[in-house]
Every structure is written in structure tokens, then in C-alpha cells.
PDB file of N, CA and C in Angstrom:
ATOM      1  N   MET A   1      80.305  69.609  94.689  1.00  0.00           N
ATOM      2  CA  MET A   1      80.783  70.121  95.957  1.00  0.00           C
ATOM      3  C   MET A   1      82.281  69.904  96.085  1.00  0.00           C
ATOM      4  N   ARG A   2      82.759  68.800  95.591  1.00  0.00           N
ATOM      5  CA  ARG A   2      84.173  68.477  95.743  1.00  0.00           C
ATOM      6  C   ARG A   2      84.971  69.080  94.605  1.00  0.00           C
ATOM      7  N   GLN A   3      85.993  69.861  94.956  1.00  0.00           N
ATOM      8  CA  GLN A   3      86.840  70.504  93.963  1.00  0.00           C
ATOM      9  C   GLN A   3      88.288  70.181  94.281  1.00  0.00           C
ATOM     10  N   ARG A   4      89.034  69.767  93.281  1.00  0.00           N
ATOM     11  CA  ARG A   4      90.446  69.471  93.492  1.00  0.00           C
ATOM     12  C   ARG A   4      91.231  70.778  93.521  1.00  0.00           C
ATOM     13  N   LEU A   5      92.074  70.917  94.524  1.00  0.00           N
ATOM     14  CA  LEU A   5      92.877  72.135  94.684  1.00  0.00           C
ATOM     15  C   LEU A   5      94.350  71.804  94.528  1.00  0.00           C
ATOM     16  N   PRO A   6      95.124  72.717  93.943  1.00  0.00           N
ATOM     17  CA  PRO A   6      96.574  72.487  93.817  1.00  0.00           C
ATOM     18  C   PRO A   6      97.249  72.598  95.178  1.00  0.00           C
ATOM     19  N   TRP A   7      98.405  71.956  95.308  1.00  0.00           N
ATOM     20  CA  TRP A   7      99.175  71.993  96.554  1.00  0.00           C
ATOM     21  C   TRP A   7      99.921  73.313  96.681  1.00  0.00           C
ATOM     22  N   GLY A   8     100.102  73.771  97.912  1.00  0.00           N
ATOM     23  CA  GLY A   8     100.956  74.919  98.222  1.00  0.00           C
ATOM     24  C   GLY A   8     100.264  76.253  98.037  1.00  0.00           C
ATOM     25  N   GLY A   9     100.880  77.262  98.638  1.00  0.00           N
ATOM     26  CA  GLY A   9     100.409  78.628  98.458  1.00  0.00           C
ATOM     27  C   GLY A   9      99.167  78.950  99.252  1.00  0.00           C
ATOM     28  N   ARG A  10      98.536  80.058  98.832  1.00  0.00           N
ATOM     29  CA  ARG A  10      97.359  80.563  99.540  1.00  0.00           C
ATOM     30  C   ARG A  10      96.183  79.591  99.491  1.00  0.00           C
ATOM     31  N   LYS A  11      96.007  78.922  98.368  1.00  0.00           N
ATOM     32  CA  LYS A  11      94.874  77.998  98.259  1.00  0.00           C
ATOM     33  C   LYS A  11      95.010  76.833  99.226  1.00  0.00           C
ATOM     34  N   ASP A  12      96.232  76.355  99.426  1.00  0.00           N
ATOM     35  CA  ASP A  12      96.469  75.261 100.367  1.00  0.00           C
ATOM     36  C   ASP A  12      96.136  75.720 101.790  1.00  0.00           C
ATOM     37  N   ARG A  13      96.569  76.908 102.146  1.00  0.00           N
ATOM     38  CA  ARG A  13      96.291  77.452 103.474  1.00  0.00           C
ATOM     39  C   ARG A  13      94.788  77.692 103.639  1.00  0.00           C
ATOM     40  N   ARG A  14      94.160  78.205 102.607  1.00  0.00           N
ATOM     41  CA  ARG A  14      92.713  78.453 102.648  1.00  0.00           C
ATOM     42  C   ARG A  14      91.949  77.137 102.812  1.00  0.00           C
ATOM     43  N   CYS A  15      92.415  76.108 102.148  1.00  0.00           N
ATOM     44  CA  CYS A  15      91.775  74.800 102.275  1.00  0.00           C
ATOM     45  C   CYS A  15      91.856  74.302 103.716  1.00  0.00           C
ATOM     46  N   ARG A  16      93.023  74.433 104.339  1.00  0.00           N
ATOM     47  CA  ARG A  16      93.172  74.014 105.739  1.00  0.00           C
ATOM     48  C   ARG A  16      92.253  74.816 106.648  1.00  0.00           C
ATOM     49  N   GLU A  17      92.132  76.119 106.389  1.00  0.00           N
ATOM     50  CA  GLU A  17      91.241  76.960 107.196  1.00  0.00           C
ATOM     51  C   GLU A  17      89.789  76.523 107.049  1.00  0.00           C
ATOM     52  N   GLN A  18      89.385  76.220 105.822  1.00  0.00           N
ATOM     53  CA  GLN A  18      88.014  75.766 105.577  1.00  0.00           C
ATOM     54  C   GLN A  18      87.750  74.421 106.249  1.00  0.00           C
ATOM     55  N   CYS A  19      88.732  73.543 106.200  1.00  0.00           N
ATOM     56  CA  CYS A  19      88.578  72.239 106.848  1.00  0.00           C
ATOM     57  C   CYS A  19      88.429  72.404 108.355  1.00  0.00           C
ATOM     58  N   ALA A  20      89.186  73.326 108.926  1.00  0.00           N
ATOM     59  CA  ALA A  20      89.081  73.588 110.365  1.00  0.00           C
ATOM     60  C   ALA A  20      87.707  74.160 110.715  1.00  0.00           C
ATOM     61  N   ALA A  21      87.178  75.006 109.838  1.00  0.00           N
ATOM     62  CA  ALA A  21      85.891  75.647 110.096  1.00  0.00           C
ATOM     63  C   ALA A  21      84.716  74.698 109.878  1.00  0.00           C
ATOM     64  N   TYR A  22      84.859  73.775 108.941  1.00  0.00           N
ATOM     65  CA  TYR A  22      83.755  72.876 108.589  1.00  0.00           C
ATOM     66  C   TYR A  22      84.176  71.428 108.790  1.00  0.00           C
ATOM     67  N   ARG A  23      84.336  71.070 110.042  1.00  0.00           N
ATOM     68  CA  ARG A  23      84.814  69.730 110.402  1.00  0.00           C
ATOM     69  C   ARG A  23      83.959  68.615 109.792  1.00  0.00           C
ATOM     70  N   HIS A  24      82.648  68.766 109.774  1.00  0.00           N
ATOM     71  CA  HIS A  24      81.768  67.729 109.243  1.00  0.00           C
ATOM     72  C   HIS A  24      82.042  67.466 107.762  1.00  0.00           C
ATOM     73  N   CYS A  25      82.448  68.491 107.020  1.00  0.00           N
ATOM     74  CA  CYS A  25      82.740  68.307 105.593  1.00  0.00           C
ATOM     75  C   CYS A  25      83.980  67.453 105.386  1.00  0.00           C
ATOM     76  N   TRP A  26      85.072  67.776 106.093  1.00  0.00           N
ATOM     77  CA  TRP A  26      86.283  66.982 105.858  1.00  0.00           C
ATOM     78  C   TRP A  26      86.137  65.573 106.410  1.00  0.00           C
ATOM     79  N   GLN A  27      85.345  65.420 107.458  1.00  0.00           N
ATOM     80  CA  GLN A  27      85.132  64.065 107.965  1.00  0.00           C
ATOM     81  C   GLN A  27      84.359  63.226 106.949  1.00  0.00           C
ATOM     82  N   TYR A  28      83.394  63.845 106.270  1.00  0.00           N
ATOM     83  CA  TYR A  28      82.627  63.119 105.255  1.00  0.00           C
ATOM     84  C   TYR A  28      83.460  62.898 103.998  1.00  0.00           C
ATOM     85  N   LEU A  29      84.069  63.949 103.486  1.00  0.00           N
ATOM     86  CA  LEU A  29      84.839  63.843 102.249  1.00  0.00           C
ATOM     87  C   LEU A  29      86.110  63.027 102.419  1.00  0.00           C
ATOM     88  N   GLY A  30      86.662  63.003 103.616  1.00  0.00           N
ATOM     89  CA  GLY A  30      87.892  62.268 103.874  1.00  0.00           C
ATOM     90  C   GLY A  30      87.683  60.870 104.424  1.00  0.00           C
ATOM     91  N   ASP A  31      86.448  60.417 104.440  1.00  0.00           N
ATOM     92  CA  ASP A  31      86.135  59.086 104.960  1.00  0.00           C
ATOM     93  C   ASP A  31      86.614  58.037 103.949  1.00  0.00           C
ATOM     94  N   LEU A  32      87.780  57.487 104.197  1.00  0.00           N
ATOM     95  CA  LEU A  32      88.389  56.559 103.253  1.00  0.00           C
ATOM     96  C   LEU A  32      87.593  55.266 103.105  1.00  0.00           C
ATOM     97  N   ALA A  33      87.005  54.804 104.188  1.00  0.00           N
ATOM     98  CA  ALA A  33      86.208  53.573 104.106  1.00  0.00           C
ATOM     99  C   ALA A  33      85.008  53.788 103.199  1.00  0.00           C
ATOM    100  N   ARG A  34      84.307  54.898 103.377  1.00  0.00           N
ATOM    101  CA  ARG A  34      83.146  55.192 102.548  1.00  0.00           C
ATOM    102  C   ARG A  34      83.557  55.385 101.090  1.00  0.00           C
ATOM    103  N   THR A  35      84.660  56.085 100.876  1.00  0.00           N
ATOM    104  CA  THR A  35      85.146  56.307  99.512  1.00  0.00           C
ATOM    105  C   THR A  35      85.497  54.987  98.833  1.00  0.00           C
ATOM    106  N   ALA A  36      86.168  54.106  99.562  1.00  0.00           N
ATOM    107  CA  ALA A  36      86.533  52.801  98.992  1.00  0.00           C
ATOM    108  C   ALA A  36      85.295  51.948  98.721  1.00  0.00           C
ATOM    109  N   GLU A  37      84.338  51.967  99.648  1.00  0.00           N
ATOM    110  CA  GLU A  37      83.104  51.211  99.443  1.00  0.00           C
ATOM    111  C   GLU A  37      82.374  51.689  98.189  1.00  0.00           C
ATOM    112  N   GLU A  38      82.256  53.000  98.043  1.00  0.00           N
ATOM    113  CA  GLU A  38      81.562  53.545  96.878  1.00  0.00           C
ATOM    114  C   GLU A  38      82.304  53.223  95.586  1.00  0.00           C
ATOM    115  N   ALA A  39      83.637  53.240  95.619  1.00  0.00           N
ATOM    116  CA  ALA A  39      84.410  52.895  94.420  1.00  0.00           C
ATOM    117  C   ALA A  39      84.156  51.443  94.016  1.00  0.00           C
ATOM    118  N   TRP A  40      84.131  50.538  94.992  1.00  0.00           N
ATOM    119  CA  TRP A  40      83.862  49.128  94.694  1.00  0.00           C
ATOM    120  C   TRP A  40      82.428  48.938  94.196  1.00  0.00           C
ATOM    121  N   ILE A  41      81.493  49.644  94.801  1.00  0.00           N
ATOM    122  CA  ILE A  41      80.099  49.525  94.376  1.00  0.00           C
ATOM    123  C   ILE A  41      79.951  49.997  92.929  1.00  0.00           C
ATOM    124  N   ARG A  42      80.585  51.121  92.594  1.00  0.00           N
ATOM    125  CA  ARG A  42      80.523  51.609  91.215  1.00  0.00           C
ATOM    126  C   ARG A  42      81.160  50.608  90.253  1.00  0.00           C
ATOM    127  N   LEU A  43      82.266  50.021  90.673  1.00  0.00           N
ATOM    128  CA  LEU A  43      82.942  49.039  89.828  1.00  0.00           C
ATOM    129  C   LEU A  43      82.064  47.804  89.615  1.00  0.00           C
ATOM    130  N   LEU A  44      81.447  47.334  90.677  1.00  0.00           N
ATOM    131  CA  LEU A  44      80.600  46.143  90.589  1.00  0.00           C
ATOM    132  C   LEU A  44      79.301  46.385  89.819  1.00  0.00           C
ATOM    133  N   SER A  45      78.732  47.567  89.973  1.00  0.00           N
ATOM    134  CA  SER A  45      77.411  47.807  89.396  1.00  0.00           C
ATOM    135  C   SER A  45      77.445  48.224  87.929  1.00  0.00           C
ATOM    136  N   SER A  46      78.540  48.733  87.445  1.00  0.00           N
ATOM    137  CA  SER A  46      78.671  49.127  86.038  1.00  0.00           C
ATOM    138  C   SER A  46      77.474  49.941  85.542  1.00  0.00           C
ATOM    139  N   GLU A  47      77.173  51.024  86.218  1.00  0.00           N
ATOM    140  CA  GLU A  47      76.089  51.940  85.818  1.00  0.00           C
ATOM    141  C   GLU A  47      74.683  51.388  86.097  1.00  0.00           C
ATOM    142  N   ASP A  48      74.569  50.220  86.702  1.00  0.00           N
ATOM    143  CA  ASP A  48      73.262  49.650  87.020  1.00  0.00           C
ATOM    144  C   ASP A  48      72.843  50.146  88.403  1.00  0.00           C
ATOM    145  N   VAL A  49      71.885  51.056  88.431  1.00  0.00           N
ATOM    146  CA  VAL A  49      71.460  51.691  89.672  1.00  0.00           C
ATOM    147  C   VAL A  49      70.882  50.675  90.656  1.00  0.00           C
ATOM    148  N   LEU A  50      70.127  49.716  90.166  1.00  0.00           N
ATOM    149  CA  LEU A  50      69.527  48.706  91.045  1.00  0.00           C
ATOM    150  C   LEU A  50      70.607  47.866  91.718  1.00  0.00           C
ATOM    151  N   THR A  51      71.603  47.438  90.965  1.00  0.00           N
ATOM    152  CA  THR A  51      72.696  46.656  91.548  1.00  0.00           C
ATOM    153  C   THR A  51      73.458  47.474  92.577  1.00  0.00           C
ATOM    154  N   ALA A  52      73.702  48.733  92.272  1.00  0.00           N
ATOM    155  CA  ALA A  52      74.417  49.599  93.210  1.00  0.00           C
ATOM    156  C   ALA A  52      73.643  49.749  94.517  1.00  0.00           C
ATOM    157  N   GLU A  53      72.357  50.008  94.419  1.00  0.00           N
ATOM    158  CA  GLU A  53      71.558  50.221  95.628  1.00  0.00           C
ATOM    159  C   GLU A  53      71.405  48.947  96.443  1.00  0.00           C
ATOM    160  N   THR A  54      71.180  47.820  95.782  1.00  0.00           N
ATOM    161  CA  THR A  54      71.051  46.569  96.533  1.00  0.00           C
ATOM    162  C   THR A  54      72.382  46.171  97.172  1.00  0.00           C
ATOM    163  N   THR A  55      73.480  46.502  96.540  1.00  0.00           N
ATOM    164  CA  THR A  55      74.799  46.238  97.138  1.00  0.00           C
ATOM    165  C   THR A  55      74.995  47.096  98.386  1.00  0.00           C
ATOM    166  N   ARG A  56      74.592  48.363  98.326  1.00  0.00           N
ATOM    167  CA  ARG A  56      74.678  49.243  99.501  1.00  0.00           C
ATOM    168  C   ARG A  56      73.834  48.695 100.655  1.00  0.00           C
ATOM    169  N   LEU A  57      72.622  48.247 100.329  1.00  0.00           N
ATOM    170  CA  LEU A  57      71.740  47.703 101.366  1.00  0.00           C
ATOM    171  C   LEU A  57      72.326  46.428 101.973  1.00  0.00           C
ATOM    172  N   GLN A  58      72.877  45.575 101.144  1.00  0.00           N
ATOM    173  CA  GLN A  58      73.485  44.335 101.637  1.00  0.00           C
ATOM    174  C   GLN A  58      74.691  44.645 102.519  1.00  0.00           C
ATOM    175  N   LEU A  59      75.504  45.603 102.107  1.00  0.00           N
ATOM    176  CA  LEU A  59      76.668  46.003 102.893  1.00  0.00           C
ATOM    177  C   LEU A  59      76.235  46.542 104.258  1.00  0.00           C
ATOM    178  N   ALA A  60      75.192  47.365 104.276  1.00  0.00           N
ATOM    179  CA  ALA A  60      74.682  47.903 105.544  1.00  0.00           C
ATOM    180  C   ALA A  60      74.189  46.774 106.449  1.00  0.00           C
ATOM    181  N   ALA A  61      73.514  45.788 105.874  1.00  0.00           N
ATOM    182  CA  ALA A  61      73.026  44.647 106.667  1.00  0.00           C
ATOM    183  C   ALA A  61      74.189  43.834 107.231  1.00  0.00           C
ATOM    184  N   LEU A  62      75.222  43.628 106.425  1.00  0.00           N
ATOM    185  CA  LEU A  62      76.403  42.890 106.907  1.00  0.00           C
ATOM    186  C   LEU A  62      77.097  43.630 108.042  1.00  0.00           C
ATOM    187  N   LYS A  63      77.211  44.945 107.909  1.00  0.00           N
ATOM    188  CA  LYS A  63      77.839  45.746 108.973  1.00  0.00           C
ATOM    189  C   LYS A  63      77.024  45.672 110.256  1.00  0.00           C
ATOM    190  N   LYS A  64      75.699  45.760 110.130  1.00  0.00           N
ATOM    191  CA  LYS A  64      74.833  45.676 111.306  1.00  0.00           C
ATOM    192  C   LYS A  64      74.985  44.328 111.989  1.00  0.00           C
ATOM    193  N   ASP A  65      75.035  43.275 111.198  1.00  0.00           N
ATOM    194  CA  ASP A  65      75.200  41.927 111.740  1.00  0.00           C
ATOM    195  C   ASP A  65      76.559  41.779 112.425  1.00  0.00           C
ATOM    196  N   ALA A  66      77.599  42.339 111.828  1.00  0.00           N
ATOM    197  CA  ALA A  66      78.946  42.215 112.395  1.00  0.00           C
ATOM    198  C   ALA A  66      79.071  42.950 113.728  1.00  0.00           C
ATOM    199  N   ARG A  67      78.297  44.020 113.915  1.00  0.00           N
ATOM    200  CA  ARG A  67      78.354  44.774 115.169  1.00  0.00           C
ATOM    201  C   ARG A  67      77.830  43.989 116.357  1.00  0.00           C
ATOM    202  N   ARG A  68      77.100  42.930 116.095  1.00  0.00           N
ATOM    203  CA  ARG A  68      76.559  42.114 117.196  1.00  0.00           C
ATOM    204  C   ARG A  68      77.635  41.318 117.901  1.00  0.00           C
ATOM    205  N   TYR A  69      78.747  41.119 117.250  1.00  0.00           N
ATOM    206  CA  TYR A  69      79.795  40.261 117.789  1.00  0.00           C
ATOM    207  C   TYR A  69      80.947  41.093 118.337  1.00  0.00           C
ATOM    208  N   ASP A  70      81.453  40.674 119.463  1.00  0.00           N
ATOM    209  CA  ASP A  70      82.608  41.316 120.072  1.00  0.00           C
ATOM    210  C   ASP A  70      83.836  40.474 119.742  1.00  0.00           C
ATOM    211  N   PRO A  71      84.813  41.027 119.020  1.00  0.00           N
ATOM    212  CA  PRO A  71      85.982  40.234 118.644  1.00  0.00           C
ATOM    213  C   PRO A  71      86.749  39.682 119.847  1.00  0.00           C
ATOM    214  N   ARG A  72      86.611  40.315 120.993  1.00  0.00           N
ATOM    215  CA  ARG A  72      87.293  39.809 122.200  1.00  0.00           C
ATOM    216  C   ARG A  72      86.722  38.472 122.630  1.00  0.00           C
ATOM    217  N   ASP A  73      85.444  38.220 122.311  1.00  0.00           N
ATOM    218  CA  ASP A  73      84.831  36.941 122.662  1.00  0.00           C
ATOM    219  C   ASP A  73      85.440  35.792 121.876  1.00  0.00           C
ATOM    220  N   MET A  74      85.985  36.079 120.717  1.00  0.00           N
ATOM    221  CA  MET A  74      86.538  35.039 119.854  1.00  0.00           C
ATOM    222  C   MET A  74      88.018  34.779 120.125  1.00  0.00           C
ATOM    223  N   ALA A  75      88.657  35.606 120.928  1.00  0.00           N
ATOM    224  CA  ALA A  75      90.109  35.507 121.141  1.00  0.00           C
ATOM    225  C   ALA A  75      90.529  34.159 121.715  1.00  0.00           C
ATOM    226  N   GLY A  76      89.745  33.601 122.597  1.00  0.00           N
ATOM    227  CA  GLY A  76      90.132  32.325 123.198  1.00  0.00           C
ATOM    228  C   GLY A  76      89.438  31.134 122.578  1.00  0.00           C
ATOM    229  N   GLY A  77      88.741  31.375 121.486  1.00  0.00           N
ATOM    230  CA  GLY A  77      87.978  30.314 120.841  1.00  0.00           C
ATOM    231  C   GLY A  77      88.864  29.325 120.104  1.00  0.00           C
ATOM    232  N   PRO A  78      88.250  28.333 119.497  1.00  0.00           N
ATOM    233  CA  PRO A  78      89.012  27.264 118.841  1.00  0.00           C
ATOM    234  C   PRO A  78      89.781  27.724 117.604  1.00  0.00           C
ATOM    235  N   LEU A  79      89.356  28.814 116.966  1.00  0.00           N
ATOM    236  CA  LEU A  79      90.052  29.232 115.738  1.00  0.00           C
ATOM    237  C   LEU A  79      91.303  30.035 116.014  1.00  0.00           C
ATOM    238  N   LEU A  80      91.323  30.775 117.086  1.00  0.00           N
ATOM    239  CA  LEU A  80      92.478  31.636 117.343  1.00  0.00           C
ATOM    240  C   LEU A  80      92.938  31.442 118.783  1.00  0.00           C
ATOM    241  N   THR A  81      94.061  30.808 118.932  1.00  0.00           N
ATOM    242  CA  THR A  81      94.637  30.570 120.245  1.00  0.00           C
ATOM    243  C   THR A  81      96.105  30.922 120.180  1.00  0.00           C
ATOM    244  N   HIS A  82      96.553  31.783 121.055  1.00  0.00           N
ATOM    245  CA  HIS A  82      97.942  32.217 121.134  1.00  0.00           C
ATOM    246  C   HIS A  82      98.430  32.812 119.814  1.00  0.00           C
ATOM    247  N   GLY A  83      97.533  33.564 119.137  1.00  0.00           N
ATOM    248  CA  GLY A  83      97.935  34.258 117.921  1.00  0.00           C
ATOM    249  C   GLY A  83      98.074  33.386 116.686  1.00  0.00           C
ATOM    250  N   ARG A  84      97.710  32.107 116.777  1.00  0.00           N
ATOM    251  CA  ARG A  84      97.814  31.220 115.618  1.00  0.00           C
ATOM    252  C   ARG A  84      96.448  30.652 115.276  1.00  0.00           C
ATOM    253  N   CYS A  85      96.225  30.439 114.016  1.00  0.00           N
ATOM    254  CA  CYS A  85      94.975  29.787 113.585  1.00  0.00           C
ATOM    255  C   CYS A  85      95.115  28.284 113.720  1.00  0.00           C
ATOM    256  N   HIS A  86      94.063  27.636 114.136  1.00  0.00           N
ATOM    257  CA  HIS A  86      94.067  26.174 114.282  1.00  0.00           C
ATOM    258  C   HIS A  86      93.010  25.560 113.434  1.00  0.00           C
TER     259      HIS A  86
END
């Protein structure tokens, strides 16, 4: 699905038009966090499908756990006071 296009000219303009028409595609393909996560997973798993999948599952669990916490609640805590770590 992903094809590299040269810069400039009609193809560049056509690419922008397609991105405007298919917002969900550029949001998915341009998701830098997802791209970086997948690159690290591929690097860590070295072609091992089981390692790759279990890493994805662990990452999803960590993200779910992190969503439970509001960083504003920690602002006045013992670790971070007035912008300095203690």
C-alpha cells in the first residue's frame, strides 16, 4: 500500500490531493509513534514472530496502565516540586 513518491511536480501535488481526500490513510501512515514502535519491535524481535507479538501486547498493557494516571496529580508530589527532582 505504501509507495515512495519523488518530491515536486505533478506527483507531489497529486499526493497532497490524495492525502486531503483520504484523511484516515495519512493519519495512519504518518503516525510517527506507531512507526517508531514498530521499528523498535522489529529490531528487538529479529524475525521472531512470537517475540514481536508479545512485545506488542506488553506495550499495549503498559499504555493502558499509564492512562490510569493523571500527570497533574504528580505535579505537587515528592518527586517533582517547583520543576526540580528531589
